[in-house]
């Protein structure tokens, strides 16, 4: 089953490096989505427990979310560079 799927993907992409780059970019996007979701949930839980600290929690949440997005973008760019090399 896996061998058949692998051969179909290899035919569609043309090379293993392109297929690996696509999988890597997809994993980077999934990881970023899970990370930001976890941050958002934890921030809402923290704000619910201490409403007076909402401003500080929200600021930290936005900074960390931006850093996660930057790492995900960097990973996607590296995957595209690997695919075109």
C-alpha atoms as a PDB file:
ATOM      1  CA  UNK A   1       0.000   0.000   0.000  1.00  0.00           C
ATOM      2  CA  UNK A   2       2.717   2.461   1.016  1.00  0.00           C
ATOM      3  CA  UNK A   3       4.884   1.492  -1.960  1.00  0.00           C
ATOM      4  CA  UNK A   4       2.013   2.164  -4.344  1.00  0.00           C
ATOM      5  CA  UNK A   5       1.319   5.574  -2.788  1.00  0.00           C
ATOM      6  CA  UNK A   6       5.031   6.424  -2.874  1.00  0.00           C
ATOM      7  CA  UNK A   7       5.307   5.506  -6.552  1.00  0.00           C
ATOM      8  CA  UNK A   8       2.230   7.592  -7.413  1.00  0.00           C
ATOM      9  CA  UNK A   9       3.632  10.606  -5.564  1.00  0.00           C
ATOM     10  CA  UNK A  10       7.002  10.140  -7.231  1.00  0.00           C
ATOM     11  CA  UNK A  11       5.361  10.112 -10.664  1.00  0.00           C
ATOM     12  CA  UNK A  12       3.379  13.270  -9.864  1.00  0.00           C
ATOM     13  CA  UNK A  13       6.296  15.279  -8.494  1.00  0.00           C
ATOM     14  CA  UNK A  14       9.100  14.023 -10.682  1.00  0.00           C
ATOM     15  CA  UNK A  15      11.765  13.676  -7.994  1.00  0.00           C
ATOM     16  CA  UNK A  16      12.186  12.621  -4.420  1.00  0.00           C
ATOM     17  CA  UNK A  17      13.573  16.018  -3.369  1.00  0.00           C
ATOM     18  CA  UNK A  18      10.440  17.835  -4.522  1.00  0.00           C
ATOM     19  CA  UNK A  19       8.256  15.331  -2.715  1.00  0.00           C
ATOM     20  CA  UNK A  20      10.351  15.653   0.448  1.00  0.00           C
ATOM     21  CA  UNK A  21      10.207  19.435   0.247  1.00  0.00           C
ATOM     22  CA  UNK A  22       6.421  19.340  -0.087  1.00  0.00           C
ATOM     23  CA  UNK A  23       6.098  17.031   2.911  1.00  0.00           C
ATOM     24  CA  UNK A  24       8.471  19.247   4.914  1.00  0.00           C
ATOM     25  CA  UNK A  25       6.516  22.406   4.094  1.00  0.00           C
ATOM     26  CA  UNK A  26       3.284  20.667   5.054  1.00  0.00           C
ATOM     27  CA  UNK A  27       4.713  19.510   8.373  1.00  0.00           C
ATOM     28  CA  UNK A  28       5.986  23.030   9.088  1.00  0.00           C
ATOM     29  CA  UNK A  29       2.501  24.454   8.461  1.00  0.00           C
ATOM     30  CA  UNK A  30       0.856  21.800  10.643  1.00  0.00           C
ATOM     31  CA  UNK A  31       3.365  22.409  13.431  1.00  0.00           C
ATOM     32  CA  UNK A  32       2.798  26.156  13.317  1.00  0.00           C
ATOM     33  CA  UNK A  33      -0.956  25.695  13.424  1.00  0.00           C
ATOM     34  CA  UNK A  34      -0.762  23.370  16.406  1.00  0.00           C
ATOM     35  CA  UNK A  35       1.665  25.667  18.209  1.00  0.00           C
ATOM     36  CA  UNK A  36      -0.434  28.778  17.739  1.00  0.00           C
ATOM     37  CA  UNK A  37      -3.562  26.888  18.759  1.00  0.00           C
ATOM     38  CA  UNK A  38      -1.863  25.746  21.958  1.00  0.00           C
ATOM     39  CA  UNK A  39      -0.692  29.306  22.680  1.00  0.00           C
ATOM     40  CA  UNK A  40      -4.179  30.720  22.122  1.00  0.00           C
ATOM     41  CA  UNK A  41      -5.809  28.126  24.354  1.00  0.00           C
ATOM     42  CA  UNK A  42      -3.285  28.608  27.125  1.00  0.00           C
ATOM     43  CA  UNK A  43      -3.590  32.383  26.915  1.00  0.00           C
ATOM     44  CA  UNK A  44      -7.375  32.240  27.182  1.00  0.00           C
ATOM     45  CA  UNK A  45      -7.062  29.922  30.165  1.00  0.00           C
ATOM     46  CA  UNK A  46      -4.582  32.286  31.808  1.00  0.00           C
ATOM     47  CA  UNK A  47      -6.798  35.302  31.180  1.00  0.00           C
ATOM     48  CA  UNK A  48      -9.781  33.431  32.628  1.00  0.00           C
ATOM     49  CA  UNK A  49      -7.800  32.680  35.787  1.00  0.00           C
ATOM     50  CA  UNK A  50      -6.304  36.166  36.165  1.00  0.00           C
ATOM     51  CA  UNK A  51      -8.321  38.789  34.276  1.00  0.00           C
ATOM     52  CA  UNK A  52      -6.169  41.615  35.648  1.00  0.00           C
ATOM     53  CA  UNK A  53      -3.131  40.217  33.761  1.00  0.00           C
ATOM     54  CA  UNK A  54      -4.934  40.091  30.408  1.00  0.00           C
ATOM     55  CA  UNK A  55      -2.802  42.804  28.784  1.00  0.00           C
ATOM     56  CA  UNK A  56       0.517  41.177  29.650  1.00  0.00           C
ATOM     57  CA  UNK A  57      -0.702  37.713  28.649  1.00  0.00           C
ATOM     58  CA  UNK A  58      -2.054  38.967  25.332  1.00  0.00           C
ATOM     59  CA  UNK A  59       1.176  40.805  24.513  1.00  0.00           C
ATOM     60  CA  UNK A  60       3.289  37.743  25.256  1.00  0.00           C
ATOM     61  CA  UNK A  61       0.904  35.569  23.242  1.00  0.00           C
ATOM     62  CA  UNK A  62       1.176  37.806  20.174  1.00  0.00           C
ATOM     63  CA  UNK A  63       4.972  37.950  20.336  1.00  0.00           C
ATOM     64  CA  UNK A  64       5.301  34.182  20.645  1.00  0.00           C
ATOM     65  CA  UNK A  65       2.777  33.603  17.845  1.00  0.00           C
ATOM     66  CA  UNK A  66       4.767  35.919  15.574  1.00  0.00           C
ATOM     67  CA  UNK A  67       7.969  34.014  16.358  1.00  0.00           C
ATOM     68  CA  UNK A  68       6.280  30.704  15.553  1.00  0.00           C
ATOM     69  CA  UNK A  69       5.014  32.096  12.251  1.00  0.00           C
ATOM     70  CA  UNK A  70       8.524  33.307  11.409  1.00  0.00           C
ATOM     71  CA  UNK A  71       9.992  29.864  12.045  1.00  0.00           C
ATOM     72  CA  UNK A  72       7.262  28.242   9.937  1.00  0.00           C
ATOM     73  CA  UNK A  73       7.901  30.679   7.091  1.00  0.00           C
ATOM     74  CA  UNK A  74      11.644  30.008   7.345  1.00  0.00           C
ATOM     75  CA  UNK A  75      10.977  26.253   7.160  1.00  0.00           C
ATOM     76  CA  UNK A  76       8.755  26.668   4.106  1.00  0.00           C
ATOM     77  CA  UNK A  77      11.399  28.798   2.344  1.00  0.00           C
ATOM     78  CA  UNK A  78      14.082  26.218   3.081  1.00  0.00           C
ATOM     79  CA  UNK A  79      11.820  23.479   1.692  1.00  0.00           C
ATOM     80  CA  UNK A  80      11.264  25.484  -1.487  1.00  0.00           C
ATOM     81  CA  UNK A  81      15.006  26.068  -1.838  1.00  0.00           C
ATOM     82  CA  UNK A  82      15.642  22.343  -1.475  1.00  0.00           C
ATOM     83  CA  UNK A  83      13.000  21.607  -4.095  1.00  0.00           C
ATOM     84  CA  UNK A  84      14.483  23.977  -6.660  1.00  0.00           C
ATOM     85  CA  UNK A  85      18.134  23.039  -6.053  1.00  0.00           C
END
